[in-house]
Amino acid sequence: MSNEHNHSHNVENYNKAFGFGIALNIIYIIVEVTYGLIINSTALLADAGHNFSDVLGLILACGGAYLAQTAVTKNRTYGLRKATILAALFNAVLLLIAVGAITIEAIRKIIEPEPVGGTTMIIVAGIGVFINTLTALLFLKGSEKDLNIKGAFLHMAADAGVSLGVVLAGLIINITGMYIFDPIISIVIVVVITIGTWGLLKDSLHLSMDAVPRSIDYEKVQSYLSSLEGVKEVHDLHIWAMSTTEIALTVHLVYIGIYERNNFIKNISEDLYHKFNIVHTTIQIEDIENNNCNQNQF
């Protein structure tokens, strides 16, 4: 017997936020590259490259969110929900690639410091802090419930942090004239970004392997099902993520006695949703007394 909760509030529409973030960041990248070339600032150019990777990440996240809403087909009975998990995984990989590029550039500049225009760095990077912070705030609420939205939020928050580092570097360079502070601050930012991204990478890879979501305690679910009146045995219990927001469960329950089939299954499904946020359940009852296996849809 299968039961699925389709609550519209579970999947929020972030299309406008994605579009706004992508448009603003593309404009900013053009400005950053232009001024980076004018003042010969590798920090601005590196930041622009990092922003560009994040724009690609936003496009992936947006595409994943769109694909998750597509209708099911005969060949894809869950639709394209899994696309949100893959988008989060690709987002994490892109972030780590960007971090690697920043690290290489920072090491090069530590070895061979180059003069840059500190004031221009402050102004251009300051604009980046504002744009990326504003965009990140658009995804803040959704990042608590959706791994795909969390990926977009981390991208924008990381961009704001990198731009802030460039602002600080510009200030210190103007005050001290020591250009080495530029790559030193970049290395600090790299460490912060890597810590945040590593968690996203682990979670998205975990879900892409159909493992039990970290928000679910497998033993507690099993214990709940075993505690149900009349249930003698629980087996073939599988829990996995259909998307970054939807969790599914299938299970066989060995039942002894007489029961009201529809209400029994419905109550279990409702409990699994309210207790564990499992939205899609398929429960098969194995009736020992009647030697009968009951499986129905409603």
C-alpha atoms as a PDB file:
ATOM      1  CA  MET A   1       0.000   0.000   0.000  1.00  0.00           C
ATOM      2  CA  SER A   2       1.387   3.346  -0.974  1.00  0.00           C
ATOM      3  CA  ASN A   3       0.747   6.809   0.397  1.00  0.00           C
ATOM      4  CA  GLU A   4       2.340  10.097  -0.640  1.00  0.00           C
ATOM      5  CA  HIS A   5       1.974  13.544   0.882  1.00  0.00           C
ATOM      6  CA  ASN A   6       1.974  16.286  -1.719  1.00  0.00           C
ATOM      7  CA  HIS A   7       2.187  19.502   0.296  1.00  0.00           C
ATOM      8  CA  SER A   8       2.821  22.579  -1.822  1.00  0.00           C
ATOM      9  CA  HIS A   9       4.620  24.315   1.022  1.00  0.00           C
ATOM     10  CA  ASN A  10       7.304  21.614   1.057  1.00  0.00           C
ATOM     11  CA  VAL A  11       8.812  22.743  -2.265  1.00  0.00           C
ATOM     12  CA  GLU A  12       9.155  26.513  -2.494  1.00  0.00           C
ATOM     13  CA  ASN A  13       9.563  28.259  -5.807  1.00  0.00           C
ATOM     14  CA  TYR A  14      12.978  29.912  -6.004  1.00  0.00           C
ATOM     15  CA  ASN A  15      12.973  30.571  -9.757  1.00  0.00           C
ATOM     16  CA  LYS A  16      12.921  34.351  -9.297  1.00  0.00           C
ATOM     17  CA  ALA A  17      15.750  34.188  -6.769  1.00  0.00           C
ATOM     18  CA  PHE A  18      17.819  32.068  -9.149  1.00  0.00           C
ATOM     19  CA  GLY A  19      17.143  34.415 -12.053  1.00  0.00           C
ATOM     20  CA  PHE A  20      17.922  37.496  -9.971  1.00  0.00           C
ATOM     21  CA  GLY A  21      21.143  35.988  -8.634  1.00  0.00           C
ATOM     22  CA  ILE A  22      22.350  34.833 -12.053  1.00  0.00           C
ATOM     23  CA  ALA A  23      21.637  38.184 -13.748  1.00  0.00           C
ATOM     24  CA  LEU A  24      23.284  40.277 -11.013  1.00  0.00           C
ATOM     25  CA  ASN A  25      26.365  38.085 -10.877  1.00  0.00           C
ATOM     26  CA  ILE A  26      26.881  38.031 -14.647  1.00  0.00           C
ATOM     27  CA  ILE A  27      26.822  41.856 -14.679  1.00  0.00           C
ATOM     28  CA  TYR A  28      29.206  41.963 -11.732  1.00  0.00           C
ATOM     29  CA  ILE A  29      31.621  39.479 -13.344  1.00  0.00           C
ATOM     30  CA  ILE A  30      31.871  41.712 -16.421  1.00  0.00           C
ATOM     31  CA  VAL A  31      32.602  44.748 -14.212  1.00  0.00           C
ATOM     32  CA  GLU A  32      35.130  42.830 -12.119  1.00  0.00           C
ATOM     33  CA  VAL A  33      37.042  41.446 -15.108  1.00  0.00           C
ATOM     34  CA  THR A  34      37.116  44.867 -16.766  1.00  0.00           C
ATOM     35  CA  TYR A  35      38.587  46.642 -13.736  1.00  0.00           C
ATOM     36  CA  GLY A  36      40.825  43.703 -12.919  1.00  0.00           C
ATOM     37  CA  LEU A  37      42.460  44.082 -16.325  1.00  0.00           C
ATOM     38  CA  ILE A  38      42.640  47.874 -16.064  1.00  0.00           C
ATOM     39  CA  ILE A  39      44.485  47.896 -12.717  1.00  0.00           C
ATOM     40  CA  ASN A  40      46.308  44.584 -13.283  1.00  0.00           C
ATOM     41  CA  SER A  41      44.701  43.015 -10.201  1.00  0.00           C
ATOM     42  CA  THR A  42      44.992  39.248 -10.144  1.00  0.00           C
ATOM     43  CA  ALA A  43      42.868  39.211  -6.976  1.00  0.00           C
ATOM     44  CA  LEU A  44      39.913  40.744  -8.807  1.00  0.00           C
ATOM     45  CA  LEU A  45      40.415  38.421 -11.786  1.00  0.00           C
ATOM     46  CA  ALA A  46      40.599  35.380  -9.490  1.00  0.00           C
ATOM     47  CA  ASP A  47      37.473  36.559  -7.689  1.00  0.00           C
ATOM     48  CA  ALA A  48      35.736  36.984 -11.039  1.00  0.00           C
ATOM     49  CA  GLY A  49      36.684  33.419 -11.945  1.00  0.00           C
ATOM     50  CA  HIS A  50      35.279  32.211  -8.647  1.00  0.00           C
ATOM     51  CA  ASN A  51      32.079  34.172  -9.250  1.00  0.00           C
ATOM     52  CA  PHE A  52      31.802  32.675 -12.729  1.00  0.00           C
ATOM     53  CA  SER A  53      31.990  29.133 -11.324  1.00  0.00           C
ATOM     54  CA  ASP A  54      29.238  30.081  -8.895  1.00  0.00           C
ATOM     55  CA  VAL A  55      27.049  31.412 -11.685  1.00  0.00           C
ATOM     56  CA  LEU A  56      27.406  28.006 -13.321  1.00  0.00           C
ATOM     57  CA  GLY A  57      26.512  26.503  -9.943  1.00  0.00           C
ATOM     58  CA  LEU A  58      23.371  28.646  -9.727  1.00  0.00           C
ATOM     59  CA  ILE A  59      22.375  27.580 -13.233  1.00  0.00           C
ATOM     60  CA  LEU A  60      22.812  23.927 -12.220  1.00  0.00           C
ATOM     61  CA  ALA A  61      20.814  24.453  -9.019  1.00  0.00           C
ATOM     62  CA  CYS A  62      18.059  26.278 -10.914  1.00  0.00           C
ATOM     63  CA  GLY A  63      17.955  23.549 -13.528  1.00  0.00           C
ATOM     64  CA  GLY A  64      17.814  20.895 -10.819  1.00  0.00           C
ATOM     65  CA  ALA A  65      14.909  22.627  -9.065  1.00  0.00           C
ATOM     66  CA  TYR A  66      13.040  22.895 -12.386  1.00  0.00           C
ATOM     67  CA  LEU A  67      13.644  19.255 -13.316  1.00  0.00           C
ATOM     68  CA  ALA A  68      12.413  18.164  -9.880  1.00  0.00           C
ATOM     69  CA  GLN A  69       8.965  19.552 -10.730  1.00  0.00           C
ATOM     70  CA  THR A  70       8.647  17.702 -14.042  1.00  0.00           C
ATOM     71  CA  ALA A  71       5.910  15.110 -14.406  1.00  0.00           C
ATOM     72  CA  VAL A  72       6.544  11.389 -14.071  1.00  0.00           C
ATOM     73  CA  THR A  73       6.755   9.224 -17.183  1.00  0.00           C
ATOM     74  CA  LYS A  74       6.644   5.504 -17.896  1.00  0.00           C
ATOM     75  CA  ASN A  75      10.433   5.433 -17.945  1.00  0.00           C
ATOM     76  CA  ARG A  76      10.946   7.823 -15.015  1.00  0.00           C
ATOM     77  CA  THR A  77       8.371   6.888 -12.414  1.00  0.00           C
ATOM     78  CA  TYR A  78       9.796   9.380  -9.902  1.00  0.00           C
ATOM     79  CA  GLY A  79      10.144  12.107 -12.507  1.00  0.00           C
ATOM     80  CA  LEU A  80      13.473  13.914 -12.303  1.00  0.00           C
ATOM     81  CA  ARG A  81      13.471  14.557  -8.561  1.00  0.00           C
ATOM     82  CA  LYS A  82      16.965  13.113  -8.190  1.00  0.00           C
ATOM     83  CA  ALA A  83      18.270  15.990 -10.325  1.00  0.00           C
ATOM     84  CA  THR A  84      18.224  18.236  -7.231  1.00  0.00           C
ATOM     85  CA  ILE A  85      20.664  15.892  -5.457  1.00  0.00           C
ATOM     86  CA  LEU A  86      22.952  15.709  -8.492  1.00  0.00           C
ATOM     87  CA  ALA A  87      22.861  19.509  -8.795  1.00  0.00           C
ATOM     88  CA  ALA A  88      23.930  19.831  -5.145  1.00  0.00           C
ATOM     89  CA  LEU A  89      26.777  17.368  -5.780  1.00  0.00           C
ATOM     90  CA  PHE A  90      27.978  19.266  -8.863  1.00  0.00           C
ATOM     91  CA  ASN A  91      27.725  22.517  -6.881  1.00  0.00           C
ATOM     92  CA  ALA A  92      30.054  21.138  -4.212  1.00  0.00           C
ATOM     93  CA  VAL A  93      32.540  19.923  -6.808  1.00  0.00           C
ATOM     94  CA  LEU A  94      32.540  23.307  -8.571  1.00  0.00           C
ATOM     95  CA  LEU A  95      33.156  25.085  -5.274  1.00  0.00           C
ATOM     96  CA  LEU A  96      36.141  22.871  -4.509  1.00  0.00           C
ATOM     97  CA  ILE A  97      37.539  23.453  -8.001  1.00  0.00           C
ATOM     98  CA  ALA A  98      37.188  27.210  -7.480  1.00  0.00           C
ATOM     99  CA  VAL A  99      38.911  26.890  -4.091  1.00  0.00           C
ATOM    100  CA  GLY A 100      41.786  25.060  -5.758  1.00  0.00           C
ATOM    101  CA  ALA A 101      42.175  27.822  -8.340  1.00  0.00           C
ATOM    102  CA  ILE A 102      42.200  30.509  -5.628  1.00  0.00           C
ATOM    103  CA  THR A 103      44.816  28.561  -3.640  1.00  0.00           C
ATOM    104  CA  ILE A 104      47.143  28.263  -6.642  1.00  0.00           C
ATOM    105  CA  GLU A 105      46.801  31.985  -7.370  1.00  0.00           C
ATOM    106  CA  ALA A 106      47.380  32.894  -3.703  1.00  0.00           C
ATOM    107  CA  ILE A 107      50.556  30.785  -3.497  1.00  0.00           C
ATOM    108  CA  ARG A 108      51.882  32.382  -6.663  1.00  0.00           C
ATOM    109  CA  LYS A 109      51.272  35.853  -5.255  1.00  0.00           C
ATOM    110  CA  ILE A 110      52.953  34.973  -1.953  1.00  0.00           C
ATOM    111  CA  ILE A 111      56.059  33.955  -3.887  1.00  0.00           C
ATOM    112  CA  GLU A 112      55.919  36.928  -6.250  1.00  0.00           C
ATOM    113  CA  PRO A 113      53.838  39.819  -4.821  1.00  0.00           C
ATOM    114  CA  GLU A 114      52.524  42.207  -7.464  1.00  0.00           C
ATOM    115  CA  PRO A 115      51.472  45.850  -7.050  1.00  0.00           C
ATOM    116  CA  VAL A 116      47.749  46.523  -7.393  1.00  0.00           C
ATOM    117  CA  GLY A 117      45.417  49.493  -7.039  1.00  0.00           C
ATOM    118  CA  GLY A 118      44.085  49.134  -3.500  1.00  0.00           C
ATOM    119  CA  THR A 119      41.332  51.761  -3.782  1.00  0.00           C
ATOM    120  CA  THR A 120      39.858  50.274  -6.952  1.00  0.00           C
ATOM    121  CA  MET A 121      39.988  46.822  -5.347  1.00  0.00           C
ATOM    122  CA  ILE A 122      38.008  48.122  -2.357  1.00  0.00           C
ATOM    123  CA  ILE A 123      35.295  49.739  -4.476  1.00  0.00           C
ATOM    124  CA  VAL A 124      34.821  46.868  -6.957  1.00  0.00           C
ATOM    125  CA  ALA A 125      35.013  44.125  -4.322  1.00  0.00           C
ATOM    126  CA  GLY A 126      32.700  46.129  -2.040  1.00  0.00           C
ATOM    127  CA  ILE A 127      30.045  46.024  -4.747  1.00  0.00           C
ATOM    128  CA  GLY A 128      30.562  42.255  -4.885  1.00  0.00           C
ATOM    129  CA  VAL A 129      30.029  41.922  -1.137  1.00  0.00           C
ATOM    130  CA  PHE A 130      26.692  43.727  -1.434  1.00  0.00           C
ATOM    131  CA  ILE A 131      25.469  41.775  -4.491  1.00  0.00           C
ATOM    132  CA  ASN A 132      26.466  38.348  -3.189  1.00  0.00           C
ATOM    133  CA  THR A 133      25.153  38.966   0.329  1.00  0.00           C
ATOM    134  CA  LEU A 134      21.818  40.101  -1.090  1.00  0.00           C
ATOM    135  CA  THR A 135      21.621  37.023  -3.303  1.00  0.00           C
ATOM    136  CA  ALA A 136      22.612  34.679  -0.454  1.00  0.00           C
ATOM    137  CA  LEU A 137      19.844  36.095   1.754  1.00  0.00           C
ATOM    138  CA  LEU A 138      17.292  35.118  -0.899  1.00  0.00           C
ATOM    139  CA  PHE A 139      18.275  31.467  -0.369  1.00  0.00           C
ATOM    140  CA  LEU A 140      18.821  31.550   3.408  1.00  0.00           C
ATOM    141  CA  LYS A 141      15.415  30.226   4.476  1.00  0.00           C
ATOM    142  CA  GLY A 142      15.290  27.473   1.859  1.00  0.00           C
ATOM    143  CA  SER A 143      18.819  26.298   2.720  1.00  0.00           C
ATOM    144  CA  GLU A 144      17.503  24.845   5.989  1.00  0.00           C
ATOM    145  CA  LYS A 145      15.215  22.366   4.195  1.00  0.00           C
ATOM    146  CA  ASP A 146      16.633  21.800   0.719  1.00  0.00           C
ATOM    147  CA  LEU A 147      20.174  20.601  -0.005  1.00  0.00           C
ATOM    148  CA  ASN A 148      19.993  22.064  -3.508  1.00  0.00           C
ATOM    149  CA  ILE A 149      19.044  25.505  -2.170  1.00  0.00           C
ATOM    150  CA  LYS A 150      21.748  25.079   0.483  1.00  0.00           C
ATOM    151  CA  GLY A 151      24.266  24.650  -2.329  1.00  0.00           C
ATOM    152  CA  ALA A 152      23.135  27.913  -3.945  1.00  0.00           C
ATOM    153  CA  PHE A 153      23.272  29.686  -0.566  1.00  0.00           C
ATOM    154  CA  LEU A 154      26.815  28.445   0.116  1.00  0.00           C
ATOM    155  CA  HIS A 155      27.922  29.594  -3.322  1.00  0.00           C
ATOM    156  CA  MET A 156      26.679  33.133  -2.736  1.00  0.00           C
ATOM    157  CA  ALA A 157      27.887  33.279   0.863  1.00  0.00           C
ATOM    158  CA  ALA A 158      31.316  32.079  -0.268  1.00  0.00           C
ATOM    159  CA  ASP A 159      31.377  34.757  -2.970  1.00  0.00           C
ATOM    160  CA  ALA A 160      30.541  37.439  -0.410  1.00  0.00           C
ATOM    161  CA  GLY A 161      33.345  36.156   1.813  1.00  0.00           C
ATOM    162  CA  VAL A 162      35.861  36.160  -1.023  1.00  0.00           C
ATOM    163  CA  SER A 163      34.866  39.694  -2.058  1.00  0.00           C
ATOM    164  CA  LEU A 164      35.143  40.835   1.574  1.00  0.00           C
ATOM    165  CA  GLY A 165      38.638  39.379   1.669  1.00  0.00           C
ATOM    166  CA  VAL A 166      39.547  41.421  -1.388  1.00  0.00           C
ATOM    167  CA  VAL A 167      38.175  44.558   0.308  1.00  0.00           C
ATOM    168  CA  LEU A 168      40.284  43.889   3.417  1.00  0.00           C
ATOM    169  CA  ALA A 169      43.325  43.216   1.271  1.00  0.00           C
ATOM    170  CA  GLY A 170      42.787  46.531  -0.504  1.00  0.00           C
ATOM    171  CA  LEU A 171      42.544  48.395   2.805  1.00  0.00           C
ATOM    172  CA  ILE A 172      45.705  46.821   4.203  1.00  0.00           C
ATOM    173  CA  ILE A 173      47.600  47.410   0.966  1.00  0.00           C
ATOM    174  CA  ASN A 174      46.599  51.089   0.994  1.00  0.00           C
ATOM    175  CA  ILE A 175      47.694  51.448   4.617  1.00  0.00           C
ATOM    176  CA  THR A 176      50.907  49.410   4.608  1.00  0.00           C
ATOM    177  CA  GLY A 177      51.884  49.070   0.959  1.00  0.00           C
ATOM    178  CA  MET A 178      52.493  45.355   1.584  1.00  0.00           C
ATOM    179  CA  TYR A 179      50.943  43.440  -1.324  1.00  0.00           C
ATOM    180  CA  ILE A 180      51.486  40.056   0.331  1.00  0.00           C
ATOM    181  CA  PHE A 181      48.378  40.596   2.478  1.00  0.00           C
ATOM    182  CA  ASP A 182      46.258  39.951  -0.615  1.00  0.00           C
ATOM    183  CA  PRO A 183      47.174  36.222  -0.956  1.00  0.00           C
ATOM    184  CA  ILE A 184      47.334  35.712   2.829  1.00  0.00           C
ATOM    185  CA  ILE A 185      43.689  36.778   3.249  1.00  0.00           C
ATOM    186  CA  SER A 186      42.773  34.632   0.241  1.00  0.00           C
ATOM    187  CA  ILE A 187      44.212  31.538   1.949  1.00  0.00           C
ATOM    188  CA  VAL A 188      42.140  32.234   5.085  1.00  0.00           C
ATOM    189  CA  ILE A 189      39.002  32.528   2.962  1.00  0.00           C
ATOM    190  CA  VAL A 190      39.847  29.274   1.180  1.00  0.00           C
ATOM    191  CA  VAL A 191      39.915  27.426   4.514  1.00  0.00           C
ATOM    192  CA  VAL A 192      36.488  28.820   5.497  1.00  0.00           C
ATOM    193  CA  ILE A 193      34.959  27.916   2.124  1.00  0.00           C
ATOM    194  CA  THR A 194      36.433  24.407   2.181  1.00  0.00           C
ATOM    195  CA  ILE A 195      34.986  23.645   5.623  1.00  0.00           C
ATOM    196  CA  GLY A 196      31.480  24.630   4.499  1.00  0.00           C
ATOM    197  CA  THR A 197      31.707  22.914   1.146  1.00  0.00           C
ATOM    198  CA  TRP A 198      33.010  19.625   2.531  1.00  0.00           C
ATOM    199  CA  GLY A 199      29.749  19.066   4.418  1.00  0.00           C
ATOM    200  CA  LEU A 200      27.703  19.770   1.296  1.00  0.00           C
ATOM    201  CA  LEU A 201      29.859  17.362  -0.732  1.00  0.00           C
ATOM    202  CA  LYS A 202      29.461  14.567   1.829  1.00  0.00           C
ATOM    203  CA  ASP A 203      25.687  15.045   2.156  1.00  0.00           C
ATOM    204  CA  SER A 204      25.015  15.203  -1.595  1.00  0.00           C
ATOM    205  CA  LEU A 205      27.253  12.200  -2.318  1.00  0.00           C
ATOM    206  CA  HIS A 206      25.539  10.332   0.529  1.00  0.00           C
ATOM    207  CA  LEU A 207      22.084  10.993  -0.928  1.00  0.00           C
ATOM    208  CA  SER A 208      23.136  10.263  -4.504  1.00  0.00           C
ATOM    209  CA  MET A 209      24.020   6.726  -3.339  1.00  0.00           C
ATOM    210  CA  ASP A 210      20.434   6.253  -2.023  1.00  0.00           C
ATOM    211  CA  ALA A 211      21.732   6.067   1.531  1.00  0.00           C
ATOM    212  CA  VAL A 212      19.468   6.847   4.492  1.00  0.00           C
ATOM    213  CA  PRO A 213      19.285  10.671   4.806  1.00  0.00           C
ATOM    214  CA  ARG A 214      21.246  12.024   7.790  1.00  0.00           C
ATOM    215  CA  SER A 215      18.064  13.612   9.147  1.00  0.00           C
ATOM    216  CA  ILE A 216      16.547  10.145   9.593  1.00  0.00           C
ATOM    217  CA  ASP A 217      17.403   7.766  12.442  1.00  0.00           C
ATOM    218  CA  TYR A 218      16.951   4.338  10.840  1.00  0.00           C
ATOM    219  CA  GLU A 219      16.759   2.544  14.186  1.00  0.00           C
ATOM    220  CA  LYS A 220      14.067   4.889  15.480  1.00  0.00           C
ATOM    221  CA  VAL A 221      11.927   4.275  12.391  1.00  0.00           C
ATOM    222  CA  GLN A 222      12.427   0.534  12.755  1.00  0.00           C
ATOM    223  CA  SER A 223      11.599   0.708  16.454  1.00  0.00           C
ATOM    224  CA  TYR A 224       8.415   2.676  15.766  1.00  0.00           C
ATOM    225  CA  LEU A 225       7.220   0.150  13.205  1.00  0.00           C
ATOM    226  CA  SER A 226       8.075  -2.790  15.492  1.00  0.00           C
ATOM    227  CA  SER A 227       6.104  -1.213  18.340  1.00  0.00           C
ATOM    228  CA  LEU A 228       2.850  -1.161  16.372  1.00  0.00           C
ATOM    229  CA  GLU A 229       0.155  -3.387  17.809  1.00  0.00           C
ATOM    230  CA  GLY A 230      -0.080  -6.680  15.948  1.00  0.00           C
ATOM    231  CA  VAL A 231       3.245  -6.289  14.130  1.00  0.00           C
ATOM    232  CA  LYS A 232       5.443  -9.328  14.790  1.00  0.00           C
ATOM    233  CA  GLU A 233       8.306  -8.553  12.443  1.00  0.00           C
ATOM    234  CA  VAL A 234       9.694  -5.700  10.324  1.00  0.00           C
ATOM    235  CA  HIS A 235      11.895  -6.500   7.345  1.00  0.00           C
ATOM    236  CA  ASP A 236      12.983  -5.127   3.963  1.00  0.00           C
ATOM    237  CA  LEU A 237      12.964  -1.607   5.418  1.00  0.00           C
ATOM    238  CA  HIS A 238      14.453   0.854   2.943  1.00  0.00           C
ATOM    239  CA  ILE A 239      14.685   4.625   3.395  1.00  0.00           C
ATOM    240  CA  TRP A 240      16.155   6.964   0.801  1.00  0.00           C
ATOM    241  CA  ALA A 241      15.885  10.472  -0.619  1.00  0.00           C
ATOM    242  CA  MET A 242      13.927  10.967  -3.832  1.00  0.00           C
ATOM    243  CA  SER A 243      15.114  14.577  -3.948  1.00  0.00           C
ATOM    244  CA  THR A 244      16.747  17.088  -1.623  1.00  0.00           C
ATOM    245  CA  THR A 245      13.378  17.644   0.097  1.00  0.00           C
ATOM    246  CA  GLU A 246      11.469  14.344  -0.249  1.00  0.00           C
ATOM    247  CA  ILE A 247      12.153  11.122   1.638  1.00  0.00           C
ATOM    248  CA  ALA A 248      10.692   7.741   0.691  1.00  0.00           C
ATOM    249  CA  LEU A 249      10.243   4.470   2.577  1.00  0.00           C
ATOM    250  CA  THR A 250       9.306   0.898   1.696  1.00  0.00           C
ATOM    251  CA  VAL A 251       8.803  -1.863   4.259  1.00  0.00           C
ATOM    252  CA  HIS A 252       7.262  -5.290   4.859  1.00  0.00           C
ATOM    253  CA  LEU A 253       5.303  -5.736   8.090  1.00  0.00           C
ATOM    254  CA  VAL A 254       4.490  -9.231   9.365  1.00  0.00           C
ATOM    255  CA  TYR A 255       1.106  -8.878  11.054  1.00  0.00           C
ATOM    256  CA  ILE A 256      -0.784 -11.228  13.346  1.00  0.00           C
ATOM    257  CA  GLY A 257      -4.501 -10.766  13.920  1.00  0.00           C
ATOM    258  CA  ILE A 258      -7.383  -8.913  12.312  1.00  0.00           C
ATOM    259  CA  TYR A 259      -7.026  -5.287  11.294  1.00  0.00           C
ATOM    260  CA  GLU A 260      -8.819  -2.554   9.349  1.00  0.00           C
ATOM    261  CA  ARG A 261      -6.456  -2.529   6.384  1.00  0.00           C
ATOM    262  CA  ASN A 262      -6.989   0.948   4.929  1.00  0.00           C
ATOM    263  CA  ASN A 263      -7.028   2.812   8.251  1.00  0.00           C
ATOM    264  CA  PHE A 264      -4.060   0.812   9.556  1.00  0.00           C
ATOM    265  CA  ILE A 265      -1.845   1.709   6.595  1.00  0.00           C
ATOM    266  CA  LYS A 266      -3.088   5.285   6.460  1.00  0.00           C
ATOM    267  CA  ASN A 267      -2.343   5.868  10.144  1.00  0.00           C
ATOM    268  CA  ILE A 268       1.179   4.468   9.775  1.00  0.00           C
ATOM    269  CA  SER A 269       1.841   6.698   6.773  1.00  0.00           C
ATOM    270  CA  GLU A 270       0.575   9.746   8.617  1.00  0.00           C
ATOM    271  CA  ASP A 271       2.752   8.940  11.636  1.00  0.00           C
ATOM    272  CA  LEU A 272       5.845   8.439   9.465  1.00  0.00           C
ATOM    273  CA  TYR A 273       5.245  11.828   7.893  1.00  0.00           C
ATOM    274  CA  HIS A 274       4.665  13.722  11.131  1.00  0.00           C
ATOM    275  CA  LYS A 275       7.337  11.937  13.170  1.00  0.00           C
ATOM    276  CA  PHE A 276      10.090  11.563  10.556  1.00  0.00           C
ATOM    277  CA  ASN A 277       9.057  13.783   7.601  1.00  0.00           C
ATOM    278  CA  ILE A 278       8.854  10.767   5.282  1.00  0.00           C
ATOM    279  CA  VAL A 279       6.520  11.883   2.501  1.00  0.00           C
ATOM    280  CA  HIS A 280       6.257   8.767   0.337  1.00  0.00           C
ATOM    281  CA  THR A 281       5.556   5.387   1.932  1.00  0.00           C
ATOM    282  CA  THR A 282       4.943   1.951   0.449  1.00  0.00           C
ATOM    283  CA  ILE A 283       3.935  -0.591   3.087  1.00  0.00           C
ATOM    284  CA  GLN A 284       3.338  -4.271   2.414  1.00  0.00           C
ATOM    285  CA  ILE A 285       1.442  -6.321   4.997  1.00  0.00           C
ATOM    286  CA  GLU A 286       2.191 -10.011   5.383  1.00  0.00           C
ATOM    287  CA  ASP A 287      -0.796 -11.563   7.139  1.00  0.00           C
ATOM    288  CA  ILE A 288       0.392 -14.724   8.904  1.00  0.00           C
ATOM    289  CA  GLU A 289      -3.072 -16.035   9.890  1.00  0.00           C
ATOM    290  CA  ASN A 290      -4.403 -15.836   6.355  1.00  0.00           C
ATOM    291  CA  ASN A 291      -1.028 -16.643   4.787  1.00  0.00           C
ATOM    292  CA  ASN A 292      -1.782 -13.698   2.563  1.00  0.00           C
ATOM    293  CA  CYS A 293       0.320 -10.797   1.331  1.00  0.00           C
ATOM    294  CA  ASN A 294      -1.763  -7.639   0.960  1.00  0.00           C
ATOM    295  CA  GLN A 295      -0.563  -4.743  -1.168  1.00  0.00           C
ATOM    296  CA  ASN A 296      -2.900  -2.031  -2.365  1.00  0.00           C
ATOM    297  CA  GLN A 297      -2.776   1.532  -3.620  1.00  0.00           C
ATOM    298  CA  PHE A 298      -4.851   4.487  -2.513  1.00  0.00           C
END
